[in-house]
Amino acid sequence: MFKAKLKAVYQDLTQSEKLVADYILDHIDEIRTITSHQLAVNTHIGQSTIIRFSQKLGYNSFRELLADLSAIPRQDLVREEIQVNESMNDTNRKIIAQYHDIVEVTFENNKEETIQQACEMLTSAKKIILFGIGSSNLFCEYLANQLVKMGLLCVTSQTPHTIYSLIDQSKKDTVLFLISESGETREVIKAASIAKEHDMPIIAMTRMAKNTLHSFADLILKTVSFETETRLNVTTMRCSQLYLIDALYLNIMKSNFNKFSKMIERAEMLSDRKL
């Protein structure tokens, strides 16, 4: 998973850490048996940077990073970007590979306990407010629609002022669910700030790298996206968000299957009723 983990955090690495990443990719064969001290000497970078780089990729140590590298075939570590002149089959294959990698990294960075806690917060709330800007709002609507069918009270809006009012008028038994890939979206941060004034629990779906939204959230669902060199590559962030939303929905469904399945059947029956 080294390649996928590196893609997920590359844009958030410091310049020195990017030098380490590039050196590893360019010297795969010799890197597999190198020490962190020798790597620091070869890259003219402090050993502490090597350790910090390993931790940013999700490894407990540089030795654990090397173990992961050793398990990966050399050809699988080549950076594959979608090219204008490649075949349709090659492009489609790369899209599938990117989707696979992004879901794997998202899975690894969201512990079972975190998903469980998010499910419990949502099912125990008397009301759920969901908010995001732009494409993030589409995912809010998708999750809200699924939860409403199960009998959970959800409200969402793409209008910030409506969300601010809903938060301000709500009680403590309300949960705020925020989606922001960057974690710096001004309207989302404002919503989080208002919720904090009311001691309202906040679930944030945002990228792994530390951001402003992290400081407001009571629970963080970590999304990942890949840094790419061309404009032709897919927006993998959407795949990460969809995986987490479906994980929430299906695990909530499993928590009380008889109850929730009956609610969904009732919702579908109402939709099919003729006037």
Protein backbone atom coordinates (compact mmCIF):
# COMPACT_ATOMS: atom_id res chain seq x y z
CA MET A 1 0.00 0.00 0.00
CA PHE A 2 3.04 2.30 -0.01
CA LYS A 3 2.19 3.86 -3.39
CA ALA A 4 -1.42 4.58 -2.45
CA LYS A 5 -0.47 5.99 0.95
CA LEU A 6 2.14 8.24 -0.64
CA LYS A 7 -0.36 9.54 -3.21
CA ALA A 8 -2.84 10.29 -0.46
CA VAL A 9 -0.50 12.52 1.55
CA TYR A 10 1.93 13.82 -1.10
CA GLN A 11 0.27 17.22 -1.44
CA ASP A 12 0.60 17.77 2.33
CA LEU A 13 4.29 16.83 2.61
CA THR A 14 6.92 19.46 3.27
CA GLN A 15 9.51 20.11 0.57
CA SER A 16 12.06 18.00 2.45
CA GLU A 17 9.59 15.14 2.84
CA LYS A 18 8.81 15.26 -0.88
CA LEU A 19 12.54 14.90 -1.57
CA VAL A 20 12.52 11.75 0.57
CA ALA A 21 9.48 10.40 -1.31
CA ASP A 22 11.03 11.09 -4.72
CA TYR A 23 14.33 9.53 -3.69
CA ILE A 24 12.57 6.35 -2.53
CA LEU A 25 10.66 6.05 -5.81
CA ASP A 26 13.84 6.58 -7.83
CA HIS A 27 15.91 4.07 -5.80
CA ILE A 28 13.42 1.33 -4.97
CA ASP A 29 15.84 -1.60 -5.19
CA GLU A 30 18.48 -0.17 -2.86
CA ILE A 31 15.93 1.45 -0.51
CA ARG A 32 14.55 -1.91 0.58
CA THR A 33 17.69 -2.64 2.65
CA ILE A 34 18.70 0.89 3.67
CA THR A 35 18.60 2.37 7.18
CA SER A 36 16.90 5.66 8.06
CA HIS A 37 20.34 7.07 8.90
CA GLN A 38 21.79 6.14 5.51
CA LEU A 39 18.71 7.52 3.74
CA ALA A 40 19.17 10.79 5.63
CA VAL A 41 22.81 10.93 4.51
CA ASN A 42 21.92 10.16 0.87
CA THR A 43 19.21 12.84 0.73
CA HIS A 44 21.08 15.40 2.88
CA ILE A 45 18.02 15.58 5.13
CA GLY A 46 17.80 15.11 8.91
CA GLN A 47 16.95 11.64 10.20
CA SER A 48 14.00 13.08 12.13
CA THR A 49 12.47 14.11 8.77
CA ILE A 50 12.70 10.48 7.59
CA ILE A 51 10.84 9.32 10.70
CA ARG A 52 8.24 12.07 10.37
CA PHE A 53 7.75 11.17 6.70
CA SER A 54 7.10 7.52 7.65
CA GLN A 55 4.54 8.55 10.25
CA LYS A 56 2.71 10.83 7.82
CA LEU A 57 2.20 7.82 5.57
CA GLY A 58 0.64 5.97 8.50
CA TYR A 59 3.58 3.77 9.48
CA ASN A 60 4.73 3.41 13.09
CA SER A 61 8.37 3.38 12.04
CA PHE A 62 10.67 3.58 9.03
CA ARG A 63 11.28 -0.16 9.40
CA GLU A 64 7.54 -0.79 8.96
CA LEU A 65 7.63 1.35 5.79
CA LEU A 66 10.50 -0.78 4.45
CA ALA A 67 8.58 -3.97 5.20
CA ASP A 68 5.65 -2.69 3.15
CA LEU A 69 7.96 -1.74 0.29
CA SER A 70 9.56 -5.18 0.28
CA ALA A 71 6.17 -6.81 -0.25
CA ILE A 72 5.41 -4.80 -3.39
CA PRO A 73 6.66 -5.85 -6.87
CA ARG A 74 8.99 -3.26 -8.39
CA GLN A 75 6.73 -2.64 -11.38
CA ASP A 76 3.79 -1.83 -9.13
CA LEU A 77 5.60 1.17 -7.68
CA VAL A 78 5.79 3.07 -10.96
CA ARG A 79 3.69 6.24 -10.93
CA GLU A 80 0.95 5.79 -13.49
CA GLU A 81 -0.68 8.94 -14.83
CA ILE A 82 -3.40 8.95 -17.48
CA GLN A 83 -1.92 10.07 -20.78
CA VAL A 84 -3.58 11.68 -23.83
CA ASN A 85 -2.22 9.15 -26.33
CA GLU A 86 -2.81 5.94 -24.39
CA SER A 87 -5.49 3.41 -25.28
CA MET A 88 -9.00 3.53 -23.84
CA ASN A 89 -8.34 0.21 -22.13
CA ASP A 90 -5.22 1.59 -20.41
CA THR A 91 -7.13 4.64 -19.19
CA ASN A 92 -9.98 2.53 -17.83
CA ARG A 93 -7.54 0.19 -16.10
CA LYS A 94 -5.81 3.11 -14.37
CA ILE A 95 -9.15 4.50 -13.18
CA ILE A 96 -10.02 1.14 -11.62
CA ALA A 97 -6.59 0.96 -9.96
CA GLN A 98 -7.01 4.46 -8.52
CA TYR A 99 -10.46 3.63 -7.16
CA HIS A 100 -9.13 0.46 -5.57
CA ASP A 101 -6.18 2.22 -3.96
CA ILE A 102 -8.23 5.14 -2.62
CA VAL A 103 -10.79 2.86 -0.98
CA GLU A 104 -8.02 0.75 0.58
CA VAL A 105 -6.31 3.80 2.05
CA THR A 106 -9.63 5.21 3.28
CA PHE A 107 -10.40 1.88 4.94
CA GLU A 108 -7.01 1.77 6.65
CA ASN A 109 -7.32 5.32 7.98
CA ASN A 110 -10.80 4.94 9.50
CA LYS A 111 -10.78 2.46 12.35
CA GLU A 112 -13.75 0.22 13.03
CA GLU A 113 -14.30 1.99 16.35
CA THR A 114 -14.55 5.35 14.55
CA ILE A 115 -17.21 4.10 12.14
CA GLN A 116 -19.05 2.48 15.06
CA GLN A 117 -19.00 5.70 17.08
CA ALA A 118 -20.27 7.72 14.12
CA CYS A 119 -23.16 5.27 13.62
CA GLU A 120 -24.08 5.49 17.30
CA MET A 121 -23.98 9.29 17.29
CA LEU A 122 -26.29 9.41 14.27
CA THR A 123 -28.81 6.83 15.49
CA SER A 124 -29.04 8.31 19.00
CA ALA A 125 -29.58 11.88 17.79
CA LYS A 126 -33.09 13.28 17.68
CA LYS A 127 -32.09 15.42 14.70
CA ILE A 128 -29.17 15.38 12.25
CA ILE A 129 -28.08 18.48 10.36
CA LEU A 130 -25.88 17.82 7.32
CA PHE A 131 -23.93 20.52 5.51
CA GLY A 132 -21.33 20.91 2.80
CA ILE A 133 -20.60 23.31 -0.04
CA GLY A 134 -20.68 22.44 -3.75
CA SER A 135 -20.20 18.76 -4.51
CA SER A 136 -19.94 18.03 -0.78
CA ASN A 137 -23.55 19.08 -0.42
CA LEU A 138 -24.56 16.37 -2.91
CA PHE A 139 -23.11 13.77 -0.57
CA CYS A 140 -24.97 15.39 2.34
CA GLU A 141 -28.21 15.04 0.40
CA TYR A 142 -27.41 11.44 -0.50
CA LEU A 143 -26.76 10.44 3.12
CA ALA A 144 -29.75 12.42 4.39
CA ASN A 145 -32.07 10.69 1.92
CA GLN A 146 -30.85 7.26 3.02
CA LEU A 147 -31.22 8.04 6.72
CA VAL A 148 -34.66 9.64 6.36
CA LYS A 149 -35.97 6.45 4.74
CA MET A 150 -34.80 4.63 7.87
CA GLY A 151 -36.84 6.95 10.09
CA LEU A 152 -34.05 9.27 11.23
CA LEU A 153 -34.83 13.00 11.22
CA CYS A 154 -32.34 14.70 8.90
CA VAL A 155 -32.23 18.20 7.46
CA THR A 156 -29.80 19.62 4.93
CA SER A 157 -29.55 22.69 2.75
CA GLN A 158 -27.04 24.18 0.33
CA THR A 159 -27.84 27.64 1.70
CA PRO A 160 -25.40 28.55 4.51
CA HIS A 161 -27.74 30.99 6.27
CA THR A 162 -30.43 28.30 6.51
CA ILE A 163 -27.94 25.91 8.12
CA TYR A 164 -26.73 28.58 10.55
CA SER A 165 -30.32 29.20 11.67
CA LEU A 166 -31.07 25.48 11.99
CA ILE A 167 -28.01 25.02 14.20
CA ASP A 168 -28.84 28.07 16.31
CA GLN A 169 -32.41 26.88 16.86
CA SER A 170 -31.51 23.28 17.70
CA LYS A 171 -31.02 21.62 21.06
CA LYS A 172 -28.11 19.53 22.34
CA ASP A 173 -29.65 16.28 21.13
CA THR A 174 -28.86 17.37 17.56
CA VAL A 175 -25.74 16.16 15.71
CA LEU A 176 -24.04 18.26 13.03
CA PHE A 177 -22.49 16.30 10.13
CA LEU A 178 -20.07 18.40 8.05
CA ILE A 179 -18.32 17.48 4.80
CA SER A 180 -15.34 19.49 3.55
CA GLU A 181 -12.43 17.93 1.64
CA SER A 182 -10.05 20.75 2.50
CA GLY A 183 -11.35 21.31 6.01
CA GLU A 184 -10.95 25.04 5.38
CA THR A 185 -14.25 25.91 3.65
CA ARG A 186 -15.33 29.22 5.22
CA GLU A 187 -19.05 28.44 5.43
CA VAL A 188 -18.42 24.99 6.93
CA ILE A 189 -16.04 26.39 9.54
CA LYS A 190 -18.65 29.02 10.47
CA ALA A 191 -21.29 26.32 10.89
CA ALA A 192 -18.90 24.37 13.13
CA SER A 193 -18.21 27.49 15.18
CA ILE A 194 -21.92 28.14 15.78
CA ALA A 195 -22.45 24.49 16.73
CA LYS A 196 -19.63 24.66 19.27
CA GLU A 197 -21.31 27.65 20.93
CA HIS A 198 -24.32 25.37 21.51
CA ASP A 199 -22.22 22.38 22.64
CA MET A 200 -23.52 20.45 19.63
CA PRO A 201 -21.61 17.24 18.73
CA ILE A 202 -19.86 17.48 15.33
CA ILE A 203 -18.93 14.69 12.92
CA ALA A 204 -16.53 15.92 10.25
CA MET A 205 -15.74 14.15 6.99
CA THR A 206 -12.50 15.73 5.78
CA ARG A 207 -8.98 14.93 4.58
CA MET A 208 -6.39 13.26 6.78
CA ALA A 209 -4.00 16.20 6.93
CA LYS A 210 -4.55 18.45 9.92
CA ASN A 211 -6.87 21.34 9.11
CA THR A 212 -9.12 23.89 10.82
CA LEU A 213 -12.18 21.62 10.81
CA HIS A 214 -10.26 19.02 12.83
CA SER A 215 -10.14 21.40 15.79
CA PHE A 216 -13.95 21.70 15.88
CA ALA A 217 -14.89 18.04 15.30
CA ASP A 218 -15.74 15.55 18.02
CA LEU A 219 -15.27 12.73 15.51
CA ILE A 220 -13.31 12.77 12.24
CA LEU A 221 -13.97 10.52 9.25
CA LYS A 222 -10.81 10.80 7.13
CA THR A 223 -11.05 11.08 3.36
CA VAL A 224 -8.11 10.88 0.99
CA SER A 225 -7.41 12.10 -2.54
CA PHE A 226 -4.42 11.56 -4.81
CA GLU A 227 -2.05 14.24 -6.03
CA THR A 228 -1.75 13.89 -9.81
CA GLU A 229 0.42 15.49 -12.45
CA THR A 230 -2.14 15.79 -15.24
CA ARG A 231 -5.66 17.20 -15.59
CA LEU A 232 -6.87 13.85 -16.91
CA ASN A 233 -6.96 11.91 -13.67
CA VAL A 234 -10.18 11.20 -11.81
CA THR A 235 -11.25 13.07 -8.69
CA THR A 236 -10.62 10.20 -6.29
CA MET A 237 -11.88 12.17 -3.30
CA ARG A 238 -15.47 11.40 -4.37
CA CYS A 239 -14.75 7.67 -4.19
CA SER A 240 -13.39 8.07 -0.65
CA GLN A 241 -16.43 10.05 0.51
CA LEU A 242 -18.90 7.62 -1.06
CA TYR A 243 -17.21 4.65 0.60
CA LEU A 244 -17.52 6.24 4.04
CA ILE A 245 -21.14 7.29 3.53
CA ASP A 246 -22.13 3.81 2.38
CA ALA A 247 -20.22 2.32 5.33
CA LEU A 248 -22.26 4.49 7.71
CA TYR A 249 -25.58 3.72 6.03
CA LEU A 250 -25.09 -0.05 5.82
CA ASN A 251 -23.72 -0.43 9.34
CA ILE A 252 -26.59 1.64 10.76
CA MET A 253 -28.96 -0.60 8.81
CA LYS A 254 -27.35 -3.72 10.32
CA SER A 255 -27.59 -2.33 13.87
CA ASN A 256 -31.39 -2.81 13.88
CA PHE A 257 -32.18 -4.51 10.60
CA ASN A 258 -35.81 -5.43 11.30
CA LYS A 259 -36.74 -1.92 12.37
CA PHE A 260 -34.91 -0.06 9.63
CA SER A 261 -35.90 -2.42 6.82
CA LYS A 262 -39.56 -1.94 7.74
CA MET A 263 -39.10 1.83 7.69
CA ILE A 264 -37.53 1.63 4.22
CA GLU A 265 -40.35 -0.58 2.96
CA ARG A 266 -42.85 1.94 4.30
CA ALA A 267 -41.03 4.81 2.57
CA GLU A 268 -40.99 2.94 -0.73
CA MET A 269 -44.68 2.10 -0.40
CA LEU A 270 -45.53 5.77 0.11
CA SER A 271 -43.49 6.68 -2.97
CA ASP A 272 -45.35 4.12 -5.06
CA ARG A 273 -48.83 5.08 -3.82
CA LYS A 274 -51.05 6.39 -6.57
CA LEU A 275 -53.09 9.56 -6.11
